[in-house]
Amino acid sequence: MPVISKFFGIIIRLFYDEHDPPHLHAEYQRKKSVFDFQGNVIRGGLFSKTATRLIREWIDLHSAELEADWKLAKAGKQIRKIDPLT
């Protein structure tokens, strides 16, 4: 699964041929969670309120890029990296 961003120990991945609704996979300290592009947790849990908050902030900042990557993935094209939080 391609890594599209890394920041503060958080790894964000997006599958190339995934199912709807659009979502991303986040990992922090070996815990995994799936978020939709509105920042809602769909599955799993990171057990870190700070990591969850940072992921939601990152999603808010990059929602257009996430949507574009999702469309590329659905079309079978290579997705792009997205800048991390700094």
PDB file of N, CA and C in Angstrom:
ATOM      1  N   MET A   1       0.847  -1.165   0.000  1.00  0.00           N
ATOM      2  CA  MET A   1       0.000   0.000   0.000  1.00  0.00           C
ATOM      3  C   MET A   1       0.894   1.230   0.000  1.00  0.00           C
ATOM      4  N   PRO A   2       0.732   2.096  -0.979  1.00  0.00           N
ATOM      5  CA  PRO A   2       1.604   3.262  -1.099  1.00  0.00           C
ATOM      6  C   PRO A   2       1.469   4.260   0.054  1.00  0.00           C
ATOM      7  N   VAL A   3       2.601   4.733   0.531  1.00  0.00           N
ATOM      8  CA  VAL A   3       2.639   5.775   1.553  1.00  0.00           C
ATOM      9  C   VAL A   3       2.531   7.112   0.836  1.00  0.00           C
ATOM     10  N   ILE A   4       1.549   7.920   1.246  1.00  0.00           N
ATOM     11  CA  ILE A   4       1.400   9.230   0.608  1.00  0.00           C
ATOM     12  C   ILE A   4       1.917  10.368   1.479  1.00  0.00           C
ATOM     13  N   SER A   5       2.079  10.098   2.787  1.00  0.00           N
ATOM     14  CA  SER A   5       2.620  11.133   3.668  1.00  0.00           C
ATOM     15  C   SER A   5       3.075  10.508   4.987  1.00  0.00           C
ATOM     16  N   LYS A   6       4.052  11.174   5.619  1.00  0.00           N
ATOM     17  CA  LYS A   6       4.545  10.789   6.943  1.00  0.00           C
ATOM     18  C   LYS A   6       4.802  12.057   7.737  1.00  0.00           C
ATOM     19  N   PHE A   7       4.347  12.075   8.987  1.00  0.00           N
ATOM     20  CA  PHE A   7       4.607  13.219   9.853  1.00  0.00           C
ATOM     21  C   PHE A   7       4.410  12.810  11.306  1.00  0.00           C
ATOM     22  N   PHE A   8       5.294  13.282  12.160  1.00  0.00           N
ATOM     23  CA  PHE A   8       5.223  13.051  13.606  1.00  0.00           C
ATOM     24  C   PHE A   8       5.006  11.584  13.973  1.00  0.00           C
ATOM     25  N   GLY A   9       5.622  10.680  13.225  1.00  0.00           N
ATOM     26  CA  GLY A   9       5.486   9.248  13.493  1.00  0.00           C
ATOM     27  C   GLY A   9       4.225   8.624  12.928  1.00  0.00           C
ATOM     28  N   ILE A  10       3.436   9.404  12.224  1.00  0.00           N
ATOM     29  CA  ILE A  10       2.193   8.929  11.611  1.00  0.00           C
ATOM     30  C   ILE A  10       2.466   8.605  10.148  1.00  0.00           C
ATOM     31  N   ILE A  11       1.967   7.467   9.709  1.00  0.00           N
ATOM     32  CA  ILE A  11       2.112   7.051   8.309  1.00  0.00           C
ATOM     33  C   ILE A  11       0.722   7.033   7.686  1.00  0.00           C
ATOM     34  N   ILE A  12       0.585   7.700   6.551  1.00  0.00           N
ATOM     35  CA  ILE A  12      -0.683   7.759   5.829  1.00  0.00           C
ATOM     36  C   ILE A  12      -0.522   6.989   4.526  1.00  0.00           C
ATOM     37  N   ARG A  13      -1.459   6.062   4.286  1.00  0.00           N
ATOM     38  CA  ARG A  13      -1.420   5.238   3.069  1.00  0.00           C
ATOM     39  C   ARG A  13      -2.755   5.325   2.337  1.00  0.00           C
ATOM     40  N   LEU A  14      -2.682   5.074   1.034  1.00  0.00           N
ATOM     41  CA  LEU A  14      -3.878   5.032   0.203  1.00  0.00           C
ATOM     42  C   LEU A  14      -3.732   3.847  -0.739  1.00  0.00           C
ATOM     43  N   PHE A  15      -4.717   2.969  -0.746  1.00  0.00           N
ATOM     44  CA  PHE A  15      -4.692   1.824  -1.652  1.00  0.00           C
ATOM     45  C   PHE A  15      -5.004   2.274  -3.072  1.00  0.00           C
ATOM     46  N   TYR A  16      -4.422   1.594  -4.040  1.00  0.00           N
ATOM     47  CA  TYR A  16      -4.689   1.919  -5.442  1.00  0.00           C
ATOM     48  C   TYR A  16      -6.079   1.481  -5.865  1.00  0.00           C
ATOM     49  N   ASP A  17      -6.469   0.266  -5.548  1.00  0.00           N
ATOM     50  CA  ASP A  17      -7.770  -0.232  -6.017  1.00  0.00           C
ATOM     51  C   ASP A  17      -8.659  -0.570  -4.823  1.00  0.00           C
ATOM     52  N   GLU A  18      -9.131   0.443  -4.185  1.00  0.00           N
ATOM     53  CA  GLU A  18      -9.946   0.299  -2.984  1.00  0.00           C
ATOM     54  C   GLU A  18     -11.410   0.532  -3.295  1.00  0.00           C
ATOM     55  N   HIS A  19     -12.215   0.226  -2.342  1.00  0.00           N
ATOM     56  CA  HIS A  19     -13.662   0.371  -2.420  1.00  0.00           C
ATOM     57  C   HIS A  19     -14.077   1.743  -1.894  1.00  0.00           C
ATOM     58  N   ASP A  20     -15.269   2.154  -2.267  1.00  0.00           N
ATOM     59  CA  ASP A  20     -15.838   3.388  -1.732  1.00  0.00           C
ATOM     60  C   ASP A  20     -16.351   3.126  -0.328  1.00  0.00           C
ATOM     61  N   PRO A  21     -16.529   4.113   0.508  1.00  0.00           N
ATOM     62  CA  PRO A  21     -16.295   5.534   0.286  1.00  0.00           C
ATOM     63  C   PRO A  21     -14.802   5.853   0.306  1.00  0.00           C
ATOM     64  N   PRO A  22     -14.428   6.987  -0.263  1.00  0.00           N
ATOM     65  CA  PRO A  22     -13.020   7.387  -0.244  1.00  0.00           C
ATOM     66  C   PRO A  22     -12.486   7.428   1.190  1.00  0.00           C
ATOM     67  N   HIS A  23     -11.308   6.866   1.383  1.00  0.00           N
ATOM     68  CA  HIS A  23     -10.733   6.793   2.722  1.00  0.00           C
ATOM     69  C   HIS A  23      -9.224   6.621   2.649  1.00  0.00           C
ATOM     70  N   LEU A  24      -8.588   6.794   3.805  1.00  0.00           N
ATOM     71  CA  LEU A  24      -7.149   6.592   3.917  1.00  0.00           C
ATOM     72  C   LEU A  24      -6.878   5.690   5.113  1.00  0.00           C
ATOM     73  N   HIS A  25      -5.704   5.116   5.127  1.00  0.00           N
ATOM     74  CA  HIS A  25      -5.276   4.256   6.220  1.00  0.00           C
ATOM     75  C   HIS A  25      -4.159   4.981   6.971  1.00  0.00           C
ATOM     76  N   ALA A  26      -4.304   5.088   8.285  1.00  0.00           N
ATOM     77  CA  ALA A  26      -3.308   5.769   9.117  1.00  0.00           C
ATOM     78  C   ALA A  26      -2.737   4.778  10.121  1.00  0.00           C
ATOM     79  N   GLU A  27      -1.437   4.928  10.382  1.00  0.00           N
ATOM     80  CA  GLU A  27      -0.779   4.074  11.367  1.00  0.00           C
ATOM     81  C   GLU A  27       0.062   4.949  12.287  1.00  0.00           C
ATOM     82  N   TYR A  28      -0.039   4.639  13.573  1.00  0.00           N
ATOM     83  CA  TYR A  28       0.753   5.349  14.574  1.00  0.00           C
ATOM     84  C   TYR A  28       1.070   4.373  15.693  1.00  0.00           C
ATOM     85  N   GLN A  29       2.341   4.184  15.974  1.00  0.00           N
ATOM     86  CA  GLN A  29       2.813   3.280  17.018  1.00  0.00           C
ATOM     87  C   GLN A  29       2.177   1.884  16.875  1.00  0.00           C
ATOM     88  N   ARG A  30       2.184   1.381  15.654  1.00  0.00           N
ATOM     89  CA  ARG A  30       1.678   0.047  15.295  1.00  0.00           C
ATOM     90  C   ARG A  30       0.172  -0.122  15.425  1.00  0.00           C
ATOM     91  N   LYS A  31      -0.534   0.943  15.704  1.00  0.00           N
ATOM     92  CA  LYS A  31      -1.999   0.922  15.734  1.00  0.00           C
ATOM     93  C   LYS A  31      -2.486   1.486  14.407  1.00  0.00           C
ATOM     94  N   LYS A  32      -3.570   0.906  13.887  1.00  0.00           N
ATOM     95  CA  LYS A  32      -4.070   1.314  12.578  1.00  0.00           C
ATOM     96  C   LYS A  32      -5.516   1.760  12.670  1.00  0.00           C
ATOM     97  N   SER A  33      -5.842   2.687  11.781  1.00  0.00           N
ATOM     98  CA  SER A  33      -7.194   3.203  11.706  1.00  0.00           C
ATOM     99  C   SER A  33      -7.478   3.618  10.270  1.00  0.00           C
ATOM    100  N   VAL A  34      -8.751   3.631   9.924  1.00  0.00           N
ATOM    101  CA  VAL A  34      -9.192   4.076   8.603  1.00  0.00           C
ATOM    102  C   VAL A  34     -10.049   5.315   8.809  1.00  0.00           C
ATOM    103  N   PHE A  35      -9.744   6.372   8.058  1.00  0.00           N
ATOM    104  CA  PHE A  35     -10.464   7.642   8.134  1.00  0.00           C
ATOM    105  C   PHE A  35     -11.104   7.953   6.790  1.00  0.00           C
ATOM    106  N   ASP A  36     -12.310   8.533   6.815  1.00  0.00           N
ATOM    107  CA  ASP A  36     -12.850   9.067   5.572  1.00  0.00           C
ATOM    108  C   ASP A  36     -12.229  10.449   5.344  1.00  0.00           C
ATOM    109  N   PHE A  37     -12.555  11.069   4.241  1.00  0.00           N
ATOM    110  CA  PHE A  37     -11.926  12.345   3.905  1.00  0.00           C
ATOM    111  C   PHE A  37     -12.550  13.533   4.638  1.00  0.00           C
ATOM    112  N   GLN A  38     -13.478  13.260   5.564  1.00  0.00           N
ATOM    113  CA  GLN A  38     -14.009  14.296   6.442  1.00  0.00           C
ATOM    114  C   GLN A  38     -13.394  14.179   7.838  1.00  0.00           C
ATOM    115  N   GLY A  39     -12.498  13.190   8.021  1.00  0.00           N
ATOM    116  CA  GLY A  39     -11.809  13.027   9.294  1.00  0.00           C
ATOM    117  C   GLY A  39     -12.492  12.087  10.271  1.00  0.00           C
ATOM    118  N   ASN A  40     -13.545  11.411   9.822  1.00  0.00           N
ATOM    119  CA  ASN A  40     -14.243  10.456  10.681  1.00  0.00           C
ATOM    120  C   ASN A  40     -13.524   9.116  10.684  1.00  0.00           C
ATOM    121  N   VAL A  41     -13.441   8.486  11.841  1.00  0.00           N
ATOM    122  CA  VAL A  41     -12.843   7.150  11.930  1.00  0.00           C
ATOM    123  C   VAL A  41     -13.880   6.143  11.448  1.00  0.00           C
ATOM    124  N   ILE A  42     -13.515   5.388  10.425  1.00  0.00           N
ATOM    125  CA  ILE A  42     -14.397   4.362   9.872  1.00  0.00           C
ATOM    126  C   ILE A  42     -14.162   3.025  10.565  1.00  0.00           C
ATOM    127  N   ARG A  43     -12.890   2.748  10.832  1.00  0.00           N
ATOM    128  CA  ARG A  43     -12.532   1.455  11.417  1.00  0.00           C
ATOM    129  C   ARG A  43     -11.227   1.599  12.193  1.00  0.00           C
ATOM    130  N   GLY A  44     -11.106   0.826  13.251  1.00  0.00           N
ATOM    131  CA  GLY A  44      -9.878   0.818  14.039  1.00  0.00           C
ATOM    132  C   GLY A  44      -9.809   1.969  15.009  1.00  0.00           C
ATOM    133  N   GLY A  45      -8.639   2.146  15.556  1.00  0.00           N
ATOM    134  CA  GLY A  45      -8.419   3.228  16.496  1.00  0.00           C
ATOM    135  C   GLY A  45      -6.944   3.346  16.825  1.00  0.00           C
ATOM    136  N   LEU A  46      -6.459   4.553  16.917  1.00  0.00           N
ATOM    137  CA  LEU A  46      -5.041   4.784  17.168  1.00  0.00           C
ATOM    138  C   LEU A  46      -4.714   4.866  18.653  1.00  0.00           C
ATOM    139  N   PHE A  47      -5.709   5.010  19.508  1.00  0.00           N
ATOM    140  CA  PHE A  47      -5.518   5.130  20.953  1.00  0.00           C
ATOM    141  C   PHE A  47      -4.656   6.326  21.331  1.00  0.00           C
ATOM    142  N   SER A  48      -4.584   7.287  20.440  1.00  0.00           N
ATOM    143  CA  SER A  48      -3.868   8.529  20.720  1.00  0.00           C
ATOM    144  C   SER A  48      -4.733   9.678  20.227  1.00  0.00           C
ATOM    145  N   LYS A  49      -5.250  10.462  21.157  1.00  0.00           N
ATOM    146  CA  LYS A  49      -6.070  11.609  20.777  1.00  0.00           C
ATOM    147  C   LYS A  49      -5.259  12.627  19.985  1.00  0.00           C
ATOM    148  N   THR A  50      -3.989  12.756  20.342  1.00  0.00           N
ATOM    149  CA  THR A  50      -3.129  13.710  19.640  1.00  0.00           C
ATOM    150  C   THR A  50      -2.914  13.283  18.194  1.00  0.00           C
ATOM    151  N   ALA A  51      -2.586  12.005  17.970  1.00  0.00           N
ATOM    152  CA  ALA A  51      -2.383  11.514  16.604  1.00  0.00           C
ATOM    153  C   ALA A  51      -3.664  11.654  15.793  1.00  0.00           C
ATOM    154  N   THR A  52      -4.790  11.318  16.386  1.00  0.00           N
ATOM    155  CA  THR A  52      -6.079  11.441  15.693  1.00  0.00           C
ATOM    156  C   THR A  52      -6.350  12.897  15.329  1.00  0.00           C
ATOM    157  N   ARG A  53      -6.079  13.813  16.246  1.00  0.00           N
ATOM    158  CA  ARG A  53      -6.272  15.243  15.973  1.00  0.00           C
ATOM    159  C   ARG A  53      -5.371  15.720  14.841  1.00  0.00           C
ATOM    160  N   LEU A  54      -4.109  15.277  14.855  1.00  0.00           N
ATOM    161  CA  LEU A  54      -3.165  15.667  13.800  1.00  0.00           C
ATOM    162  C   LEU A  54      -3.595  15.137  12.438  1.00  0.00           C
ATOM    163  N   ILE A  55      -4.092  13.917  12.401  1.00  0.00           N
ATOM    164  CA  ILE A  55      -4.562  13.341  11.137  1.00  0.00           C
ATOM    165  C   ILE A  55      -5.755  14.132  10.621  1.00  0.00           C
ATOM    166  N   ARG A  56      -6.671  14.470  11.502  1.00  0.00           N
ATOM    167  CA  ARG A  56      -7.839  15.257  11.085  1.00  0.00           C
ATOM    168  C   ARG A  56      -7.422  16.632  10.574  1.00  0.00           C
ATOM    169  N   GLU A  57      -6.458  17.249  11.228  1.00  0.00           N
ATOM    170  CA  GLU A  57      -5.942  18.549  10.769  1.00  0.00           C
ATOM    171  C   GLU A  57      -5.321  18.404   9.383  1.00  0.00           C
ATOM    172  N   TRP A  58      -4.535  17.342   9.196  1.00  0.00           N
ATOM    173  CA  TRP A  58      -3.889  17.087   7.903  1.00  0.00           C
ATOM    174  C   TRP A  58      -4.938  16.852   6.819  1.00  0.00           C
ATOM    175  N   ILE A  59      -5.974  16.078   7.130  1.00  0.00           N
ATOM    176  CA  ILE A  59      -7.054  15.841   6.162  1.00  0.00           C
ATOM    177  C   ILE A  59      -7.710  17.160   5.773  1.00  0.00           C
ATOM    178  N   ASP A  60      -8.009  18.015   6.750  1.00  0.00           N
ATOM    179  CA  ASP A  60      -8.629  19.320   6.465  1.00  0.00           C
ATOM    180  C   ASP A  60      -7.767  20.156   5.522  1.00  0.00           C
ATOM    181  N   LEU A  61      -6.465  20.132   5.745  1.00  0.00           N
ATOM    182  CA  LEU A  61      -5.542  20.929   4.914  1.00  0.00           C
ATOM    183  C   LEU A  61      -5.382  20.368   3.502  1.00  0.00           C
ATOM    184  N   HIS A  62      -5.581  19.065   3.334  1.00  0.00           N
ATOM    185  CA  HIS A  62      -5.262  18.419   2.059  1.00  0.00           C
ATOM    186  C   HIS A  62      -6.442  17.675   1.437  1.00  0.00           C
ATOM    187  N   SER A  63      -7.656  18.084   1.748  1.00  0.00           N
ATOM    188  CA  SER A  63      -8.828  17.351   1.254  1.00  0.00           C
ATOM    189  C   SER A  63      -8.893  17.327  -0.278  1.00  0.00           C
ATOM    190  N   ALA A  64      -8.557  18.419  -0.932  1.00  0.00           N
ATOM    191  CA  ALA A  64      -8.596  18.445  -2.401  1.00  0.00           C
ATOM    192  C   ALA A  64      -7.558  17.481  -2.985  1.00  0.00           C
ATOM    193  N   GLU A  65      -6.373  17.440  -2.386  1.00  0.00           N
ATOM    194  CA  GLU A  65      -5.334  16.528  -2.865  1.00  0.00           C
ATOM    195  C   GLU A  65      -5.717  15.068  -2.620  1.00  0.00           C
ATOM    196  N   LEU A  66      -6.364  14.800  -1.494  1.00  0.00           N
ATOM    197  CA  LEU A  66      -6.829  13.445  -1.208  1.00  0.00           C
ATOM    198  C   LEU A  66      -7.865  12.999  -2.231  1.00  0.00           C
ATOM    199  N   GLU A  67      -8.811  13.877  -2.536  1.00  0.00           N
ATOM    200  CA  GLU A  67      -9.828  13.558  -3.544  1.00  0.00           C
ATOM    201  C   GLU A  67      -9.180  13.293  -4.899  1.00  0.00           C
ATOM    202  N   ALA A  68      -8.192  14.115  -5.263  1.00  0.00           N
ATOM    203  CA  ALA A  68      -7.499  13.921  -6.534  1.00  0.00           C
ATOM    204  C   ALA A  68      -6.758  12.587  -6.554  1.00  0.00           C
ATOM    205  N   ASP A  69      -6.085  12.243  -5.461  1.00  0.00           N
ATOM    206  CA  ASP A  69      -5.392  10.957  -5.379  1.00  0.00           C
ATOM    207  C   ASP A  69      -6.377   9.797  -5.464  1.00  0.00           C
ATOM    208  N   TRP A  70      -7.521   9.938  -4.809  1.00  0.00           N
ATOM    209  CA  TRP A  70      -8.524   8.875  -4.855  1.00  0.00           C
ATOM    210  C   TRP A  70      -8.982   8.633  -6.293  1.00  0.00           C
ATOM    211  N   LYS A  71      -9.225   9.722  -7.023  1.00  0.00           N
ATOM    212  CA  LYS A  71      -9.646   9.594  -8.429  1.00  0.00           C
ATOM    213  C   LYS A  71      -8.558   8.935  -9.262  1.00  0.00           C
ATOM    214  N   LEU A  72      -7.305   9.316  -9.021  1.00  0.00           N
ATOM    215  CA  LEU A  72      -6.194   8.679  -9.736  1.00  0.00           C
ATOM    216  C   LEU A  72      -6.144   7.180  -9.428  1.00  0.00           C
ATOM    217  N   ALA A  73      -6.298   6.837  -8.154  1.00  0.00           N
ATOM    218  CA  ALA A  73      -6.258   5.434  -7.743  1.00  0.00           C
ATOM    219  C   ALA A  73      -7.380   4.644  -8.403  1.00  0.00           C
ATOM    220  N   LYS A  74      -8.580   5.205  -8.415  1.00  0.00           N
ATOM    221  CA  LYS A  74      -9.724   4.520  -9.026  1.00  0.00           C
ATOM    222  C   LYS A  74      -9.516   4.327 -10.526  1.00  0.00           C
ATOM    223  N   ALA A  75      -8.765   5.234 -11.157  1.00  0.00           N
ATOM    224  CA  ALA A  75      -8.484   5.137 -12.592  1.00  0.00           C
ATOM    225  C   ALA A  75      -7.276   4.244 -12.877  1.00  0.00           C
ATOM    226  N   GLY A  76      -6.677   3.693 -11.824  1.00  0.00           N
ATOM    227  CA  GLY A  76      -5.518   2.823 -12.004  1.00  0.00           C
ATOM    228  C   GLY A  76      -4.225   3.566 -12.271  1.00  0.00           C
ATOM    229  N   LYS A  77      -4.206   4.855 -11.948  1.00  0.00           N
ATOM    230  CA  LYS A  77      -3.012   5.667 -12.171  1.00  0.00           C
ATOM    231  C   LYS A  77      -2.240   5.830 -10.869  1.00  0.00           C
ATOM    232  N   GLN A  78      -0.992   6.244 -11.001  1.00  0.00           N
ATOM    233  CA  GLN A  78      -0.154   6.420  -9.829  1.00  0.00           C
ATOM    234  C   GLN A  78      -0.593   7.643  -9.034  1.00  0.00           C
ATOM    235  N   ILE A  79      -0.679   7.484  -7.715  1.00  0.00           N
ATOM    236  CA  ILE A  79      -1.071   8.587  -6.858  1.00  0.00           C
ATOM    237  C   ILE A  79       0.148   9.432  -6.502  1.00  0.00           C
ATOM    238  N   ARG A  80      -0.124  10.616  -5.998  1.00  0.00           N
ATOM    239  CA  ARG A  80       0.953  11.551  -5.669  1.00  0.00           C
ATOM    240  C   ARG A  80       1.156  11.634  -4.173  1.00  0.00           C
ATOM    241  N   LYS A  81       2.370  11.949  -3.758  1.00  0.00           N
ATOM    242  CA  LYS A  81       2.676  12.210  -2.355  1.00  0.00           C
ATOM    243  C   LYS A  81       2.007  13.522  -1.942  1.00  0.00           C
ATOM    244  N   ILE A  82       1.674  13.616  -0.665  1.00  0.00           N
ATOM    245  CA  ILE A  82       1.057  14.835  -0.138  1.00  0.00           C
ATOM    246  C   ILE A  82       1.945  15.341   0.998  1.00  0.00           C
ATOM    247  N   ASP A  83       2.147  16.655   1.033  1.00  0.00           N
ATOM    248  CA  ASP A  83       3.031  17.245   2.049  1.00  0.00           C
ATOM    249  C   ASP A  83       2.577  16.888   3.456  1.00  0.00           C
ATOM    250  N   PRO A  84       3.538  16.676   4.343  1.00  0.00           N
ATOM    251  CA  PRO A  84       3.214  16.368   5.750  1.00  0.00           C
ATOM    252  C   PRO A  84       2.865  17.639   6.522  1.00  0.00           C
ATOM    253  N   LEU A  85       2.349  17.440   7.719  1.00  0.00           N
ATOM    254  CA  LEU A  85       2.224  18.568   8.644  1.00  0.00           C
ATOM    255  C   LEU A  85       3.632  18.962   9.081  1.00  0.00           C
ATOM    256  N   THR A  86       3.823  20.236   9.322  1.00  0.00           N
ATOM    257  CA  THR A  86       5.147  20.680   9.793  1.00  0.00           C
ATOM    258  C   THR A  86       5.002  21.492  11.057  1.00  0.00           C
TER     259      THR A  86
END
